Amino acid sequence: MGQDGHREWGNLPHAQVLDRAALAAIYDEYYPLIYRYIYRQTGDVETARDLAADVFQRLLQALQHQAGPQHQLAGWLYRTAHNLLVDHYRHQQHRQTMPLDEEIAAEDGDMAEALDSRLAAERVRAAVQGLSIDQQQVIFLKFLEGLSNEQVARLLDKPVSAVKSLQHRALAAPKEP
């Protein structure tokens, strides 16, 4: 086990030869993390499922072409997820949402509380989308995934000082009214 509590995959010798058991173990360990990372940025279950599945499809394709990650599997998966998110937002022409009354009706509990919660989440997503890609990754990994600066640095293949700097600049960025 690594410092982050996940299995050390090293250079993925079994996965490189498409060992089904190794691939299943990688999927079981990382799919929930990647899904949650994507869901927290999109707020949409179907989009998160689709993009998380795409991350693992890309891993399989990379391994089949002997181009998979040699080190830092988690970093490779998070970078791939982030790149897919960037592509998703670039290609998204307009948001498709349920009408507001259907959204509220779909929520359990108090309607006003559900609406407040949904609006707050949308404001946070909008504010984060105004940050640089590197700043977004640091903020999501550090505050939503609960990783330490050292863990974020390893995942992003950056020095800890760069992670701290990105975090500071992101938190100091102008806020949306």
Protein backbone atom coordinates (compact mmCIF):
# COMPACT_ATOMS: atom_id res chain seq x y z
CA MET A 1 0.00 0.00 0.00
CA GLY A 2 1.16 3.51 -0.80
CA GLN A 3 1.06 6.57 1.43
CA ASP A 4 -2.39 7.46 0.06
CA GLY A 5 -3.84 4.10 1.14
CA HIS A 6 -3.97 2.69 -2.39
CA ARG A 7 -2.10 -0.30 -3.72
CA GLU A 8 1.24 0.52 -5.30
CA TRP A 9 0.94 -0.56 -8.93
CA GLY A 10 4.58 0.16 -9.75
CA ASN A 11 5.18 -0.18 -13.46
CA LEU A 12 1.97 -2.19 -13.96
CA PRO A 13 3.65 -5.36 -15.27
CA HIS A 14 0.46 -7.43 -15.08
CA ALA A 15 -1.74 -4.70 -16.51
CA GLN A 16 0.67 -4.10 -19.38
CA VAL A 17 0.02 -7.63 -20.61
CA LEU A 18 -3.72 -7.17 -20.01
CA ASP A 19 -3.96 -9.51 -17.02
CA ARG A 20 -7.71 -9.51 -16.39
CA ALA A 21 -7.36 -9.88 -12.62
CA ALA A 22 -4.97 -6.90 -12.41
CA LEU A 23 -7.26 -4.79 -14.60
CA ALA A 24 -10.29 -5.74 -12.50
CA ALA A 25 -8.41 -4.80 -9.33
CA ILE A 26 -7.40 -1.44 -10.84
CA TYR A 27 -11.00 -0.77 -11.91
CA ASP A 28 -12.42 -1.78 -8.52
CA GLU A 29 -9.95 0.43 -6.68
CA TYR A 30 -10.00 3.54 -8.86
CA TYR A 31 -13.42 3.70 -10.54
CA PRO A 32 -15.22 5.07 -7.44
CA LEU A 33 -12.53 7.74 -7.00
CA ILE A 34 -12.55 8.80 -10.64
CA TYR A 35 -16.35 8.78 -10.79
CA ARG A 36 -16.57 10.95 -7.66
CA TYR A 37 -13.92 13.35 -9.01
CA ILE A 38 -15.88 13.81 -12.24
CA TYR A 39 -19.30 13.93 -10.56
CA ARG A 40 -18.21 16.69 -8.20
CA GLN A 41 -17.23 18.79 -11.18
CA THR A 42 -20.24 18.09 -13.37
CA GLY A 43 -23.03 17.47 -10.89
CA ASP A 44 -24.55 15.03 -13.37
CA VAL A 45 -24.71 11.28 -12.71
CA GLU A 46 -24.90 10.20 -16.37
CA THR A 47 -22.08 12.49 -17.48
CA ALA A 48 -19.92 11.27 -14.60
CA ARG A 49 -20.63 7.62 -15.46
CA ASP A 50 -19.88 8.16 -19.13
CA LEU A 51 -16.66 10.09 -18.56
CA ALA A 52 -15.44 7.69 -15.86
CA ALA A 53 -16.04 4.78 -18.24
CA ASP A 54 -14.11 6.69 -20.92
CA VAL A 55 -11.14 7.05 -18.55
CA PHE A 56 -10.91 3.27 -18.16
CA GLN A 57 -11.51 2.69 -21.85
CA ARG A 58 -8.54 4.97 -22.56
CA LEU A 59 -6.47 3.03 -20.04
CA LEU A 60 -7.28 -0.23 -21.84
CA GLN A 61 -6.46 1.30 -25.21
CA ALA A 62 -3.19 2.71 -23.91
CA LEU A 63 -2.22 -0.65 -22.42
CA GLN A 64 -3.09 -2.46 -25.64
CA HIS A 65 -0.73 -0.13 -27.51
CA GLN A 66 2.00 -0.49 -24.88
CA ALA A 67 1.54 3.22 -24.09
CA GLY A 68 -0.04 2.92 -20.67
CA PRO A 69 1.24 4.60 -17.55
CA GLN A 70 4.63 3.34 -16.45
CA HIS A 71 4.43 4.99 -13.02
CA GLN A 72 1.81 6.88 -11.05
CA LEU A 73 -1.30 5.06 -12.23
CA ALA A 74 -3.53 7.26 -10.08
CA GLY A 75 -1.98 10.39 -11.55
CA TRP A 76 -2.51 9.08 -15.07
CA LEU A 77 -6.16 8.28 -14.33
CA TYR A 78 -6.86 11.68 -12.74
CA ARG A 79 -5.09 13.53 -15.58
CA THR A 80 -7.10 11.56 -18.13
CA ALA A 81 -10.32 12.31 -16.23
CA HIS A 82 -9.46 15.98 -16.09
CA ASN A 83 -8.64 16.10 -19.81
CA LEU A 84 -11.97 14.43 -20.60
CA LEU A 85 -13.74 17.01 -18.43
CA VAL A 86 -12.03 19.84 -20.28
CA ASP A 87 -13.04 18.29 -23.61
CA HIS A 88 -16.59 17.78 -22.34
CA TYR A 89 -16.97 21.45 -21.41
CA ARG A 90 -15.36 22.62 -24.66
CA HIS A 91 -17.75 20.56 -26.77
CA GLN A 92 -20.83 21.26 -24.73
CA GLN A 93 -22.80 23.73 -26.86
CA HIS A 94 -25.52 24.39 -24.33
CA ARG A 95 -26.56 22.85 -21.05
CA GLN A 96 -29.40 20.42 -21.14
CA THR A 97 -31.21 20.54 -17.82
CA MET A 98 -34.56 19.53 -16.51
CA PRO A 99 -36.99 22.37 -16.04
CA LEU A 100 -36.54 23.88 -12.59
CA ASP A 101 -39.82 22.55 -11.22
CA GLU A 102 -38.87 18.98 -12.19
CA GLU A 103 -35.45 19.39 -10.56
CA ILE A 104 -37.00 20.57 -7.33
CA ALA A 105 -39.66 17.85 -7.38
CA ALA A 106 -36.95 15.22 -7.85
CA GLU A 107 -35.22 16.27 -4.62
CA ASP A 108 -36.07 14.63 -1.31
CA GLY A 109 -36.89 16.86 1.63
CA ASP A 110 -37.54 20.55 1.80
CA MET A 111 -37.86 22.17 -1.65
CA ALA A 112 -36.35 25.48 -0.60
CA GLU A 113 -33.36 23.73 0.96
CA ALA A 114 -32.90 21.59 -2.15
CA LEU A 115 -33.03 24.65 -4.38
CA ASP A 116 -30.52 26.52 -2.19
CA SER A 117 -28.19 23.55 -2.24
CA ARG A 118 -28.40 23.15 -6.01
CA LEU A 119 -27.84 26.87 -6.63
CA ALA A 120 -24.86 26.92 -4.26
CA ALA A 121 -23.32 23.94 -6.07
CA GLU A 122 -23.81 25.69 -9.42
CA ARG A 123 -22.12 28.85 -8.09
CA VAL A 124 -19.16 26.82 -6.85
CA ARG A 125 -18.84 25.02 -10.19
CA ALA A 126 -18.99 28.35 -12.06
CA ALA A 127 -16.33 29.88 -9.81
CA VAL A 128 -14.02 26.88 -10.19
CA GLN A 129 -14.42 26.89 -13.97
CA GLY A 130 -12.98 30.41 -13.94
CA LEU A 131 -9.69 29.05 -12.59
CA SER A 132 -6.81 27.69 -14.65
CA ILE A 133 -6.85 23.97 -15.37
CA ASP A 134 -3.98 23.36 -12.92
CA GLN A 135 -5.74 25.38 -10.22
CA GLN A 136 -8.97 23.43 -10.76
CA GLN A 137 -7.16 20.11 -10.37
CA VAL A 138 -5.46 21.22 -7.16
CA ILE A 139 -8.69 22.53 -5.64
CA PHE A 140 -10.70 19.41 -6.49
CA LEU A 141 -8.03 16.96 -5.39
CA LYS A 142 -7.16 18.81 -2.20
CA PHE A 143 -10.52 19.96 -0.93
CA LEU A 144 -13.04 17.57 -2.46
CA GLU A 145 -10.93 14.42 -2.57
CA GLY A 146 -9.22 15.25 0.74
CA LEU A 147 -5.69 14.63 -0.48
CA SER A 148 -2.62 16.19 1.12
CA ASN A 149 -0.35 18.60 -0.75
CA GLU A 150 2.19 15.78 -1.10
CA GLN A 151 -0.39 13.40 -2.57
CA VAL A 152 -1.63 16.06 -5.01
CA ALA A 153 1.96 16.82 -6.01
CA ARG A 154 2.60 13.13 -6.76
CA LEU A 155 -0.63 12.79 -8.75
CA LEU A 156 0.04 15.89 -10.82
CA ASP A 157 3.78 15.25 -11.06
CA LYS A 158 4.54 18.70 -9.66
CA PRO A 159 6.65 19.90 -6.75
CA VAL A 160 4.77 20.46 -3.47
CA SER A 161 5.70 24.16 -3.67
CA ALA A 162 3.90 24.41 -7.04
CA VAL A 163 0.79 22.77 -5.56
CA LYS A 164 0.83 25.24 -2.66
CA SER A 165 1.25 28.14 -5.07
CA LEU A 166 -1.60 26.95 -7.31
CA GLN A 167 -3.83 26.52 -4.26
CA HIS A 168 -2.99 29.99 -2.95
CA ARG A 169 -3.64 31.67 -6.33
CA ALA A 170 -6.91 29.75 -6.78
CA LEU A 171 -8.19 30.77 -3.36
CA ALA A 172 -7.11 34.37 -3.93
CA ALA A 173 -8.76 34.54 -7.39
CA PRO A 174 -11.55 37.09 -7.79
CA LYS A 175 -14.85 35.65 -6.66
CA GLU A 176 -18.06 35.69 -8.69
CA PRO A 177 -20.73 37.99 -7.17
